[in-house]
Amino acid sequence: MADKKSHTNGDGKFFALLNRMKYINRWGLMRCSRPENLAEHTLETVYIAHALALLHNARCGGSADVGKCVLRAAYHDMTEILTGDLPTPVKYKTEQIKEAYLAVDRSARETIARTVPEDIRTDYEGLFTEDDSIEYKIVKAADKISALIKCREELFLGNAEFIAAAEAQAAAVEALGLEAAGIFIAEYMEHYFNSLDGLLGD
């Protein structure tokens, strides 16, 4: 019989840590009409990344690994479980702050990765890292589109607090140069501001 303890090395606390995403609120410096937590944002990023990967392959002649896009999206902000959601204007304000933030983020990533049970840890390798792959680029675009949706929802509700943030997120998506992201925004974004009756109607 296998030693049960060998399957819990790393303490197996990884899944309980992920469960804490719902306690991390986003947009900490902003007055929000409706709060958004990290769990909500992560789920939205997952299904947008799935859509972008499919669009990239079907319409843009790409060959992204759709499954890898979805999985990487699920863990893209996991370090915020430990660091909280540091607002973008703060973490990139100066080169010194940026370098310090990246060091903290890297340390948090390593800390969380060590909690994955050892016998399945290799299956998670590559899901927590940043690189130059098309899959990472798709997840990055999905992350920015999710933020853009939030900004435009707030603007739709009359919250002018998000004017500059919406412009910044739109510019960030465009800067990625991902054709599938442009397709998603052009064809699907407007529906996010419709009522349920409007969405279900002809």
N, C-alpha and C. Protein backbone atom coordinates (compact mmCIF):
# COMPACT_ATOMS: atom_id res chain seq x y z
N MET A 1 0.85 -1.20 0.00
CA MET A 1 0.00 0.00 0.00
C MET A 1 0.88 1.25 0.00
N ALA A 2 0.57 2.20 -0.87
CA ALA A 2 1.39 3.41 -1.00
C ALA A 2 1.31 4.23 0.27
N ASP A 3 2.42 4.85 0.59
CA ASP A 3 2.46 5.74 1.75
C ASP A 3 1.59 6.96 1.47
N LYS A 4 0.53 7.09 2.26
CA LYS A 4 -0.43 8.19 2.03
C LYS A 4 0.25 9.55 2.12
N LYS A 5 1.22 9.68 3.01
CA LYS A 5 1.89 10.95 3.21
C LYS A 5 2.62 11.41 1.95
N SER A 6 3.11 10.45 1.15
CA SER A 6 3.86 10.80 -0.04
C SER A 6 2.99 11.54 -1.05
N HIS A 7 1.68 11.36 -0.94
CA HIS A 7 0.78 12.02 -1.87
C HIS A 7 0.34 13.39 -1.37
N THR A 8 0.78 13.76 -0.19
CA THR A 8 0.38 15.06 0.35
C THR A 8 1.57 15.97 0.61
N ASN A 9 2.75 15.57 0.10
CA ASN A 9 3.90 16.45 0.20
C ASN A 9 3.57 17.77 -0.49
N GLY A 10 4.04 18.85 0.10
CA GLY A 10 3.61 20.16 -0.36
C GLY A 10 2.37 20.58 0.39
N ASP A 11 1.93 19.72 1.30
CA ASP A 11 0.81 19.97 2.20
C ASP A 11 -0.55 19.88 1.52
N GLY A 12 -0.61 19.91 0.20
CA GLY A 12 -1.89 19.82 -0.50
C GLY A 12 -2.80 21.00 -0.23
N LYS A 13 -2.21 22.13 0.16
CA LYS A 13 -3.02 23.30 0.50
C LYS A 13 -3.35 24.16 -0.72
N PHE A 14 -2.83 23.75 -1.87
CA PHE A 14 -3.00 24.52 -3.10
C PHE A 14 -4.47 24.81 -3.40
N PHE A 15 -5.31 23.81 -3.30
CA PHE A 15 -6.71 23.96 -3.70
C PHE A 15 -7.47 24.86 -2.73
N ALA A 16 -7.12 24.76 -1.46
CA ALA A 16 -7.74 25.65 -0.47
C ALA A 16 -7.28 27.09 -0.68
N LEU A 17 -6.03 27.26 -1.10
CA LEU A 17 -5.55 28.60 -1.42
C LEU A 17 -6.32 29.20 -2.59
N LEU A 18 -6.54 28.40 -3.63
CA LEU A 18 -7.31 28.88 -4.79
C LEU A 18 -8.71 29.31 -4.37
N ASN A 19 -9.27 28.60 -3.40
CA ASN A 19 -10.61 28.91 -2.93
C ASN A 19 -10.70 30.31 -2.33
N ARG A 20 -9.56 30.87 -1.94
CA ARG A 20 -9.55 32.18 -1.33
C ARG A 20 -9.61 33.33 -2.34
N MET A 21 -9.64 33.00 -3.62
CA MET A 21 -9.78 34.05 -4.64
C MET A 21 -11.01 34.92 -4.40
N LYS A 22 -12.05 34.31 -3.86
CA LYS A 22 -13.31 35.05 -3.69
C LYS A 22 -13.20 36.14 -2.62
N TYR A 23 -12.12 36.11 -1.83
CA TYR A 23 -11.94 37.13 -0.79
C TYR A 23 -11.12 38.32 -1.27
N ILE A 24 -10.55 38.22 -2.47
CA ILE A 24 -9.68 39.29 -2.98
C ILE A 24 -10.49 40.22 -3.88
N ASN A 25 -10.71 41.42 -3.42
CA ASN A 25 -11.45 42.40 -4.21
C ASN A 25 -10.53 43.13 -5.17
N ARG A 26 -11.04 43.40 -6.35
CA ARG A 26 -10.29 44.12 -7.38
C ARG A 26 -10.68 45.61 -7.38
N TRP A 27 -9.90 46.40 -8.11
CA TRP A 27 -10.17 47.83 -8.28
C TRP A 27 -10.19 48.57 -6.94
N GLY A 28 -9.17 48.29 -6.13
CA GLY A 28 -9.12 48.82 -4.78
C GLY A 28 -9.09 50.34 -4.68
N LEU A 29 -8.56 51.03 -5.69
CA LEU A 29 -8.49 52.48 -5.64
C LEU A 29 -9.69 53.17 -6.27
N MET A 30 -10.62 52.37 -6.77
CA MET A 30 -11.73 52.92 -7.55
C MET A 30 -13.05 52.81 -6.78
N ARG A 31 -13.91 53.79 -7.01
CA ARG A 31 -15.29 53.69 -6.50
C ARG A 31 -16.09 52.88 -7.51
N CYS A 32 -16.55 51.73 -7.08
CA CYS A 32 -17.24 50.80 -7.98
C CYS A 32 -18.75 50.80 -7.72
N SER A 33 -19.53 50.72 -8.78
CA SER A 33 -20.97 50.56 -8.63
C SER A 33 -21.29 49.17 -8.10
N ARG A 34 -20.48 48.19 -8.49
CA ARG A 34 -20.63 46.83 -8.01
C ARG A 34 -19.24 46.24 -7.79
N PRO A 35 -18.97 45.70 -6.59
CA PRO A 35 -17.65 45.11 -6.34
C PRO A 35 -17.39 43.92 -7.27
N GLU A 36 -16.12 43.67 -7.53
CA GLU A 36 -15.72 42.50 -8.31
C GLU A 36 -14.60 41.81 -7.55
N ASN A 37 -14.71 40.50 -7.37
CA ASN A 37 -13.64 39.77 -6.70
C ASN A 37 -12.80 38.98 -7.71
N LEU A 38 -11.69 38.47 -7.24
CA LEU A 38 -10.74 37.78 -8.10
C LEU A 38 -11.32 36.51 -8.70
N ALA A 39 -12.18 35.81 -7.96
CA ALA A 39 -12.78 34.58 -8.48
C ALA A 39 -13.66 34.89 -9.69
N GLU A 40 -14.43 35.95 -9.61
CA GLU A 40 -15.29 36.36 -10.74
C GLU A 40 -14.44 36.69 -11.96
N HIS A 41 -13.43 37.50 -11.72
CA HIS A 41 -12.56 37.91 -12.83
C HIS A 41 -11.86 36.71 -13.46
N THR A 42 -11.42 35.78 -12.62
CA THR A 42 -10.71 34.61 -13.14
C THR A 42 -11.61 33.76 -14.03
N LEU A 43 -12.85 33.53 -13.60
CA LEU A 43 -13.77 32.75 -14.41
C LEU A 43 -14.02 33.44 -15.75
N GLU A 44 -14.25 34.75 -15.70
CA GLU A 44 -14.49 35.47 -16.95
C GLU A 44 -13.28 35.39 -17.87
N THR A 45 -12.08 35.52 -17.30
CA THR A 45 -10.87 35.42 -18.10
C THR A 45 -10.73 34.04 -18.73
N VAL A 46 -11.14 33.00 -18.02
CA VAL A 46 -11.07 31.64 -18.54
C VAL A 46 -11.93 31.50 -19.79
N TYR A 47 -13.19 31.92 -19.72
CA TYR A 47 -14.02 31.67 -20.90
C TYR A 47 -13.72 32.64 -22.04
N ILE A 48 -13.17 33.82 -21.73
CA ILE A 48 -12.74 34.71 -22.82
C ILE A 48 -11.49 34.13 -23.49
N ALA A 49 -10.56 33.61 -22.68
CA ALA A 49 -9.36 33.00 -23.26
C ALA A 49 -9.73 31.81 -24.15
N HIS A 50 -10.71 31.03 -23.71
CA HIS A 50 -11.19 29.91 -24.53
C HIS A 50 -11.69 30.43 -25.87
N ALA A 51 -12.52 31.47 -25.83
CA ALA A 51 -13.06 32.03 -27.07
C ALA A 51 -11.97 32.60 -27.96
N LEU A 52 -11.02 33.32 -27.37
CA LEU A 52 -9.94 33.91 -28.16
C LEU A 52 -9.09 32.85 -28.83
N ALA A 53 -8.83 31.76 -28.11
CA ALA A 53 -8.03 30.67 -28.69
C ALA A 53 -8.75 30.05 -29.88
N LEU A 54 -10.05 29.85 -29.73
CA LEU A 54 -10.83 29.28 -30.83
C LEU A 54 -10.89 30.24 -32.02
N LEU A 55 -11.10 31.52 -31.75
CA LEU A 55 -11.13 32.52 -32.82
C LEU A 55 -9.77 32.63 -33.50
N HIS A 56 -8.72 32.59 -32.70
CA HIS A 56 -7.36 32.66 -33.24
C HIS A 56 -7.10 31.52 -34.23
N ASN A 57 -7.57 30.33 -33.88
CA ASN A 57 -7.35 29.17 -34.74
C ASN A 57 -8.29 29.14 -35.93
N ALA A 58 -9.57 29.49 -35.71
CA ALA A 58 -10.58 29.36 -36.75
C ALA A 58 -10.54 30.49 -37.78
N ARG A 59 -10.27 31.70 -37.32
CA ARG A 59 -10.36 32.86 -38.22
C ARG A 59 -9.03 33.51 -38.55
N CYS A 60 -8.03 33.25 -37.74
CA CYS A 60 -6.76 33.97 -37.91
C CYS A 60 -5.61 33.07 -38.33
N GLY A 61 -5.93 31.83 -38.66
CA GLY A 61 -4.90 30.91 -39.14
C GLY A 61 -3.91 30.46 -38.08
N GLY A 62 -4.32 30.54 -36.82
CA GLY A 62 -3.41 30.18 -35.73
C GLY A 62 -3.46 28.72 -35.36
N SER A 63 -2.62 28.35 -34.42
CA SER A 63 -2.58 26.96 -33.96
C SER A 63 -2.33 26.93 -32.44
N ALA A 64 -3.04 27.76 -31.72
CA ALA A 64 -2.87 27.81 -30.27
C ALA A 64 -3.40 26.53 -29.63
N ASP A 65 -2.79 26.14 -28.53
CA ASP A 65 -3.27 25.01 -27.74
C ASP A 65 -4.42 25.53 -26.88
N VAL A 66 -5.64 25.21 -27.29
CA VAL A 66 -6.83 25.75 -26.63
C VAL A 66 -6.89 25.34 -25.16
N GLY A 67 -6.62 24.07 -24.88
CA GLY A 67 -6.66 23.59 -23.51
C GLY A 67 -5.66 24.31 -22.62
N LYS A 68 -4.46 24.55 -23.16
CA LYS A 68 -3.44 25.24 -22.37
C LYS A 68 -3.86 26.68 -22.10
N CYS A 69 -4.51 27.32 -23.07
CA CYS A 69 -5.01 28.69 -22.86
C CYS A 69 -6.00 28.72 -21.70
N VAL A 70 -6.92 27.79 -21.70
CA VAL A 70 -7.95 27.74 -20.65
C VAL A 70 -7.31 27.51 -19.29
N LEU A 71 -6.39 26.55 -19.20
CA LEU A 71 -5.75 26.23 -17.92
C LEU A 71 -4.88 27.37 -17.42
N ARG A 72 -4.13 27.97 -18.32
CA ARG A 72 -3.27 29.09 -17.89
C ARG A 72 -4.12 30.27 -17.42
N ALA A 73 -5.26 30.47 -18.06
CA ALA A 73 -6.15 31.55 -17.63
C ALA A 73 -6.67 31.31 -16.22
N ALA A 74 -6.90 30.05 -15.89
CA ALA A 74 -7.45 29.72 -14.57
C ALA A 74 -6.50 30.11 -13.44
N TYR A 75 -5.20 30.15 -13.73
CA TYR A 75 -4.21 30.44 -12.70
C TYR A 75 -3.48 31.75 -12.92
N HIS A 76 -3.94 32.57 -13.88
CA HIS A 76 -3.14 33.73 -14.29
C HIS A 76 -2.94 34.76 -13.20
N ASP A 77 -3.86 34.87 -12.27
CA ASP A 77 -3.75 35.87 -11.19
C ASP A 77 -3.66 35.22 -9.81
N MET A 78 -3.22 33.97 -9.75
CA MET A 78 -3.26 33.26 -8.46
C MET A 78 -2.37 33.90 -7.41
N THR A 79 -1.32 34.63 -7.83
CA THR A 79 -0.44 35.25 -6.84
C THR A 79 -1.17 36.30 -6.00
N GLU A 80 -2.25 36.83 -6.54
CA GLU A 80 -2.98 37.86 -5.81
C GLU A 80 -3.68 37.30 -4.57
N ILE A 81 -3.76 35.98 -4.47
CA ILE A 81 -4.25 35.36 -3.23
C ILE A 81 -3.37 35.79 -2.06
N LEU A 82 -2.06 35.96 -2.33
CA LEU A 82 -1.12 36.36 -1.29
C LEU A 82 -0.80 37.85 -1.32
N THR A 83 -0.80 38.45 -2.50
CA THR A 83 -0.38 39.85 -2.61
C THR A 83 -1.53 40.84 -2.63
N GLY A 84 -2.75 40.34 -2.89
CA GLY A 84 -3.86 41.24 -3.14
C GLY A 84 -3.75 41.81 -4.55
N ASP A 85 -4.75 42.58 -4.95
CA ASP A 85 -4.77 43.17 -6.29
C ASP A 85 -4.14 44.56 -6.22
N LEU A 86 -2.86 44.64 -6.54
CA LEU A 86 -2.18 45.93 -6.55
C LEU A 86 -2.57 46.67 -7.83
N PRO A 87 -3.15 47.86 -7.72
CA PRO A 87 -3.61 48.59 -8.90
C PRO A 87 -2.48 48.82 -9.90
N THR A 88 -2.79 48.69 -11.18
CA THR A 88 -1.81 48.85 -12.25
C THR A 88 -1.08 50.18 -12.18
N PRO A 89 -1.76 51.32 -11.95
CA PRO A 89 -1.03 52.60 -11.89
C PRO A 89 0.02 52.64 -10.79
N VAL A 90 -0.18 51.83 -9.75
CA VAL A 90 0.78 51.81 -8.65
C VAL A 90 1.96 50.92 -8.99
N LYS A 91 1.68 49.69 -9.42
CA LYS A 91 2.77 48.73 -9.60
C LYS A 91 3.70 49.07 -10.77
N TYR A 92 3.25 49.92 -11.68
CA TYR A 92 4.12 50.32 -12.79
C TYR A 92 4.49 51.80 -12.75
N LYS A 93 4.30 52.45 -11.59
CA LYS A 93 4.52 53.89 -11.49
C LYS A 93 5.97 54.28 -11.72
N THR A 94 6.89 53.51 -11.14
CA THR A 94 8.32 53.74 -11.36
C THR A 94 8.99 52.40 -11.63
N GLU A 95 10.19 52.46 -12.17
CA GLU A 95 10.93 51.24 -12.47
C GLU A 95 11.26 50.49 -11.19
N GLN A 96 11.55 51.23 -10.12
CA GLN A 96 11.86 50.60 -8.84
C GLN A 96 10.66 49.85 -8.28
N ILE A 97 9.48 50.49 -8.34
CA ILE A 97 8.27 49.83 -7.85
C ILE A 97 7.96 48.60 -8.70
N LYS A 98 8.11 48.74 -10.02
CA LYS A 98 7.85 47.62 -10.92
C LYS A 98 8.74 46.43 -10.60
N GLU A 99 10.04 46.70 -10.40
CA GLU A 99 10.97 45.61 -10.10
C GLU A 99 10.64 44.95 -8.75
N ALA A 100 10.28 45.79 -7.78
CA ALA A 100 9.92 45.25 -6.46
C ALA A 100 8.65 44.42 -6.55
N TYR A 101 7.67 44.90 -7.32
CA TYR A 101 6.42 44.16 -7.47
C TYR A 101 6.67 42.82 -8.15
N LEU A 102 7.49 42.81 -9.20
CA LEU A 102 7.77 41.57 -9.92
C LEU A 102 8.46 40.56 -9.00
N ALA A 103 9.33 41.05 -8.12
CA ALA A 103 10.00 40.16 -7.17
C ALA A 103 9.00 39.57 -6.19
N VAL A 104 8.09 40.40 -5.70
CA VAL A 104 7.05 39.91 -4.78
C VAL A 104 6.15 38.91 -5.48
N ASP A 105 5.78 39.22 -6.72
CA ASP A 105 4.91 38.34 -7.49
C ASP A 105 5.58 37.00 -7.74
N ARG A 106 6.85 37.03 -8.07
CA ARG A 106 7.60 35.79 -8.32
C ARG A 106 7.69 34.95 -7.05
N SER A 107 7.94 35.60 -5.92
CA SER A 107 8.01 34.89 -4.65
C SER A 107 6.66 34.26 -4.29
N ALA A 108 5.58 35.00 -4.53
CA ALA A 108 4.24 34.47 -4.25
C ALA A 108 3.93 33.28 -5.14
N ARG A 109 4.35 33.37 -6.40
CA ARG A 109 4.10 32.27 -7.35
C ARG A 109 4.83 31.01 -6.90
N GLU A 110 6.07 31.17 -6.48
CA GLU A 110 6.86 30.03 -6.02
C GLU A 110 6.28 29.43 -4.74
N THR A 111 5.83 30.30 -3.86
CA THR A 111 5.24 29.83 -2.60
C THR A 111 3.99 29.00 -2.86
N ILE A 112 3.12 29.50 -3.73
CA ILE A 112 1.88 28.77 -4.04
C ILE A 112 2.18 27.48 -4.78
N ALA A 113 3.13 27.51 -5.73
CA ALA A 113 3.46 26.32 -6.50
C ALA A 113 3.95 25.19 -5.61
N ARG A 114 4.63 25.53 -4.52
CA ARG A 114 5.15 24.51 -3.61
C ARG A 114 4.03 23.81 -2.84
N THR A 115 2.83 24.35 -2.85
CA THR A 115 1.73 23.71 -2.12
C THR A 115 1.00 22.66 -2.97
N VAL A 116 1.33 22.58 -4.25
CA VAL A 116 0.74 21.54 -5.10
C VAL A 116 1.31 20.19 -4.69
N PRO A 117 0.47 19.18 -4.47
CA PRO A 117 0.99 17.85 -4.10
C PRO A 117 2.06 17.37 -5.07
N GLU A 118 3.13 16.81 -4.56
CA GLU A 118 4.29 16.48 -5.37
C GLU A 118 3.98 15.49 -6.49
N ASP A 119 3.08 14.55 -6.23
CA ASP A 119 2.85 13.50 -7.22
C ASP A 119 2.09 14.01 -8.45
N ILE A 120 1.51 15.21 -8.38
CA ILE A 120 0.85 15.78 -9.57
C ILE A 120 1.44 17.13 -9.94
N ARG A 121 2.52 17.50 -9.27
CA ARG A 121 3.09 18.84 -9.48
C ARG A 121 3.58 19.05 -10.91
N THR A 122 4.14 18.02 -11.51
CA THR A 122 4.65 18.17 -12.88
C THR A 122 3.53 18.50 -13.86
N ASP A 123 2.30 18.09 -13.55
CA ASP A 123 1.18 18.39 -14.43
C ASP A 123 0.83 19.87 -14.43
N TYR A 124 1.30 20.59 -13.43
CA TYR A 124 1.02 22.03 -13.33
C TYR A 124 2.16 22.87 -13.90
N GLU A 125 3.30 22.23 -14.20
CA GLU A 125 4.44 22.98 -14.71
C GLU A 125 4.07 23.66 -16.03
N GLY A 126 4.43 24.88 -16.15
CA GLY A 126 4.13 25.64 -17.36
C GLY A 126 2.83 26.41 -17.28
N LEU A 127 1.99 26.11 -16.27
CA LEU A 127 0.71 26.81 -16.15
C LEU A 127 0.84 28.09 -15.33
N PHE A 128 1.93 28.21 -14.57
CA PHE A 128 2.09 29.35 -13.67
C PHE A 128 3.11 30.37 -14.18
N THR A 129 3.70 30.10 -15.33
CA THR A 129 4.81 30.94 -15.79
C THR A 129 4.38 31.93 -16.87
N GLU A 130 5.19 32.96 -17.06
CA GLU A 130 5.00 33.92 -18.13
C GLU A 130 6.07 33.68 -19.18
N ASP A 131 5.68 33.73 -20.45
CA ASP A 131 6.63 33.48 -21.52
C ASP A 131 6.17 34.19 -22.79
N ASP A 132 6.79 33.87 -23.90
CA ASP A 132 6.48 34.53 -25.17
C ASP A 132 5.54 33.70 -26.05
N SER A 133 4.90 32.69 -25.48
CA SER A 133 4.04 31.81 -26.27
C SER A 133 2.74 32.50 -26.67
N ILE A 134 2.12 32.00 -27.72
CA ILE A 134 0.82 32.53 -28.14
C ILE A 134 -0.23 32.26 -27.08
N GLU A 135 -0.08 31.16 -26.34
CA GLU A 135 -1.05 30.85 -25.29
C GLU A 135 -1.00 31.91 -24.19
N TYR A 136 0.20 32.33 -23.80
CA TYR A 136 0.31 33.37 -22.77
C TYR A 136 -0.25 34.70 -23.30
N LYS A 137 0.02 35.00 -24.56
CA LYS A 137 -0.49 36.24 -25.16
C LYS A 137 -2.01 36.25 -25.18
N ILE A 138 -2.61 35.12 -25.49
CA ILE A 138 -4.07 35.01 -25.50
C ILE A 138 -4.63 35.22 -24.10
N VAL A 139 -4.00 34.62 -23.10
CA VAL A 139 -4.46 34.80 -21.72
C VAL A 139 -4.32 36.26 -21.30
N LYS A 140 -3.23 36.88 -21.68
CA LYS A 140 -3.02 38.29 -21.36
C LYS A 140 -4.12 39.15 -21.98
N ALA A 141 -4.46 38.86 -23.23
CA ALA A 141 -5.53 39.60 -23.90
C ALA A 141 -6.87 39.37 -23.21
N ALA A 142 -7.13 38.13 -22.83
CA ALA A 142 -8.39 37.81 -22.14
C ALA A 142 -8.48 38.54 -20.81
N ASP A 143 -7.37 38.60 -20.10
CA ASP A 143 -7.31 39.32 -18.83
C ASP A 143 -7.66 40.80 -19.03
N LYS A 144 -7.07 41.42 -20.05
CA LYS A 144 -7.32 42.83 -20.34
C LYS A 144 -8.76 43.06 -20.82
N ILE A 145 -9.29 42.13 -21.61
CA ILE A 145 -10.67 42.27 -22.08
C ILE A 145 -11.64 42.18 -20.91
N SER A 146 -11.39 41.27 -19.98
CA SER A 146 -12.23 41.17 -18.79
C SER A 146 -12.22 42.49 -18.02
N ALA A 147 -11.04 43.09 -17.88
CA ALA A 147 -10.94 44.38 -17.19
C ALA A 147 -11.67 45.47 -17.98
N LEU A 148 -11.56 45.42 -19.31
CA LEU A 148 -12.25 46.40 -20.15
C LEU A 148 -13.76 46.28 -20.01
N ILE A 149 -14.25 45.05 -19.95
CA ILE A 149 -15.69 44.83 -19.75
C ILE A 149 -16.15 45.46 -18.43
N LYS A 150 -15.37 45.24 -17.38
CA LYS A 150 -15.69 45.84 -16.08
C LYS A 150 -15.73 47.36 -16.17
N CYS A 151 -14.73 47.94 -16.81
CA CYS A 151 -14.68 49.40 -16.96
C CYS A 151 -15.89 49.93 -17.71
N ARG A 152 -16.24 49.26 -18.80
CA ARG A 152 -17.36 49.74 -19.62
C ARG A 152 -18.70 49.49 -18.93
N GLU A 153 -18.78 48.45 -18.13
CA GLU A 153 -20.00 48.24 -17.33
C GLU A 153 -20.18 49.39 -16.34
N GLU A 154 -19.10 49.80 -15.70
CA GLU A 154 -19.17 50.91 -14.76
C GLU A 154 -19.56 52.21 -15.47
N LEU A 155 -18.99 52.43 -16.65
CA LEU A 155 -19.34 53.62 -17.42
C LEU A 155 -20.81 53.58 -17.84
N PHE A 156 -21.29 52.39 -18.21
CA PHE A 156 -22.68 52.21 -18.60
C PHE A 156 -23.62 52.57 -17.45
N LEU A 157 -23.15 52.33 -16.22
CA LEU A 157 -23.93 52.65 -15.03
C LEU A 157 -23.76 54.09 -14.58
N GLY A 158 -23.03 54.87 -15.39
CA GLY A 158 -22.87 56.28 -15.09
C GLY A 158 -21.71 56.62 -14.17
N ASN A 159 -20.79 55.68 -13.98
CA ASN A 159 -19.66 55.90 -13.08
C ASN A 159 -18.46 56.41 -13.86
N ALA A 160 -18.30 57.72 -13.86
CA ALA A 160 -17.21 58.36 -14.62
C ALA A 160 -15.83 58.06 -14.05
N GLU A 161 -15.79 57.45 -12.88
CA GLU A 161 -14.52 57.07 -12.25
C GLU A 161 -13.68 56.19 -13.17
N PHE A 162 -14.34 55.47 -14.10
CA PHE A 162 -13.66 54.47 -14.92
C PHE A 162 -13.31 54.96 -16.33
N ILE A 163 -13.44 56.25 -16.60
CA ILE A 163 -13.14 56.74 -17.94
C ILE A 163 -11.69 56.46 -18.33
N ALA A 164 -10.75 56.91 -17.50
CA ALA A 164 -9.34 56.71 -17.81
C ALA A 164 -8.96 55.23 -17.81
N ALA A 165 -9.53 54.46 -16.88
CA ALA A 165 -9.22 53.03 -16.81
C ALA A 165 -9.68 52.30 -18.07
N ALA A 166 -10.86 52.67 -18.57
CA ALA A 166 -11.38 52.05 -19.79
C ALA A 166 -10.46 52.34 -20.98
N GLU A 167 -10.00 53.57 -21.07
CA GLU A 167 -9.08 53.95 -22.16
C GLU A 167 -7.77 53.18 -22.05
N ALA A 168 -7.27 53.03 -20.82
CA ALA A 168 -6.01 52.32 -20.61
C ALA A 168 -6.13 50.84 -20.96
N GLN A 169 -7.25 50.22 -20.57
CA GLN A 169 -7.44 48.80 -20.87
C GLN A 169 -7.61 48.56 -22.36
N ALA A 170 -8.34 49.45 -23.03
CA ALA A 170 -8.52 49.32 -24.48
C ALA A 170 -7.17 49.44 -25.19
N ALA A 171 -6.35 50.38 -24.74
CA ALA A 171 -5.03 50.56 -25.34
C ALA A 171 -4.14 49.35 -25.08
N ALA A 172 -4.27 48.76 -23.89
CA ALA A 172 -3.46 47.59 -23.54
C ALA A 172 -3.81 46.39 -24.42
N VAL A 173 -5.11 46.22 -24.70
CA VAL A 173 -5.54 45.13 -25.58
C VAL A 173 -4.99 45.35 -26.98
N GLU A 174 -5.14 46.57 -27.47
CA GLU A 174 -4.68 46.89 -28.82
C GLU A 174 -3.17 46.69 -28.96
N ALA A 175 -2.44 47.05 -27.91
CA ALA A 175 -0.98 46.94 -27.95
C ALA A 175 -0.51 45.50 -28.08
N LEU A 176 -1.32 44.55 -27.67
CA LEU A 176 -0.95 43.14 -27.78
C LEU A 176 -0.96 42.66 -29.23
N GLY A 177 -1.71 43.36 -30.08
CA GLY A 177 -1.71 43.03 -31.50
C GLY A 177 -2.30 41.67 -31.82
N LEU A 178 -3.26 41.22 -31.01
CA LEU A 178 -3.88 39.92 -31.23
C LEU A 178 -5.18 40.11 -32.00
N GLU A 179 -5.21 39.61 -33.23
CA GLU A 179 -6.37 39.81 -34.09
C GLU A 179 -7.65 39.27 -33.46
N ALA A 180 -7.57 38.13 -32.81
CA ALA A 180 -8.75 37.52 -32.20
C ALA A 180 -9.35 38.42 -31.13
N ALA A 181 -8.51 39.17 -30.42
CA ALA A 181 -9.01 40.10 -29.40
C ALA A 181 -9.82 41.21 -30.04
N GLY A 182 -9.36 41.71 -31.17
CA GLY A 182 -10.11 42.74 -31.90
C GLY A 182 -11.45 42.22 -32.37
N ILE A 183 -11.47 40.98 -32.82
CA ILE A 183 -12.73 40.35 -33.26
C ILE A 183 -13.70 40.26 -32.09
N PHE A 184 -13.22 39.82 -30.95
CA PHE A 184 -14.08 39.66 -29.77
C PHE A 184 -14.70 40.99 -29.37
N ILE A 185 -13.87 42.02 -29.31
CA ILE A 185 -14.37 43.34 -28.90
C ILE A 185 -15.36 43.90 -29.92
N ALA A 186 -15.03 43.77 -31.20
CA ALA A 186 -15.88 44.34 -32.25
C ALA A 186 -17.21 43.63 -32.38
N GLU A 187 -17.22 42.31 -32.20
CA GLU A 187 -18.43 41.54 -32.46
C GLU A 187 -19.26 41.20 -31.23
N TYR A 188 -18.62 41.13 -30.06
CA TYR A 188 -19.34 40.60 -28.89
C TYR A 188 -19.45 41.56 -27.71
N MET A 189 -18.58 42.56 -27.66
CA MET A 189 -18.55 43.43 -26.49
C MET A 189 -19.87 44.16 -26.25
N GLU A 190 -20.52 44.63 -27.30
CA GLU A 190 -21.74 45.42 -27.14
C GLU A 190 -22.84 44.65 -26.41
N HIS A 191 -22.85 43.35 -26.52
CA HIS A 191 -23.92 42.55 -25.91
C HIS A 191 -23.83 42.51 -24.38
N TYR A 192 -22.67 42.84 -23.84
CA TYR A 192 -22.50 42.82 -22.40
C TYR A 192 -23.35 43.88 -21.69
N PHE A 193 -23.84 44.84 -22.45
CA PHE A 193 -24.59 45.95 -21.84
C PHE A 193 -26.07 45.89 -22.18
N ASN A 194 -26.51 44.68 -22.54
CA ASN A 194 -27.91 44.45 -22.87
C ASN A 194 -28.61 43.83 -21.68
N SER A 195 -29.91 43.96 -21.63
CA SER A 195 -30.71 43.31 -20.58
C SER A 195 -30.86 41.84 -20.92
N LEU A 196 -31.34 41.05 -19.95
CA LEU A 196 -31.58 39.63 -20.22
C LEU A 196 -32.62 39.45 -21.31
N ASP A 197 -33.68 40.26 -21.28
CA ASP A 197 -34.69 40.19 -22.33
C ASP A 197 -34.08 40.51 -23.69
N GLY A 198 -33.20 41.51 -23.71
CA GLY A 198 -32.55 41.86 -24.95
C GLY A 198 -31.64 40.77 -25.46
N LEU A 199 -30.95 40.09 -24.55
CA LEU A 199 -30.04 39.01 -24.94
C LEU A 199 -30.79 37.81 -25.47
N LEU A 200 -31.99 37.56 -24.93
CA LEU A 200 -32.77 36.38 -25.33
C LEU A 200 -33.69 36.67 -26.51
N GLY A 201 -33.88 37.93 -26.84
CA GLY A 201 -34.78 38.29 -27.93
C GLY A 201 -34.13 38.10 -29.27
N ASP A 202 -34.94 38.16 -30.31
CA ASP A 202 -34.43 37.99 -31.68
C ASP A 202 -33.70 39.25 -32.13
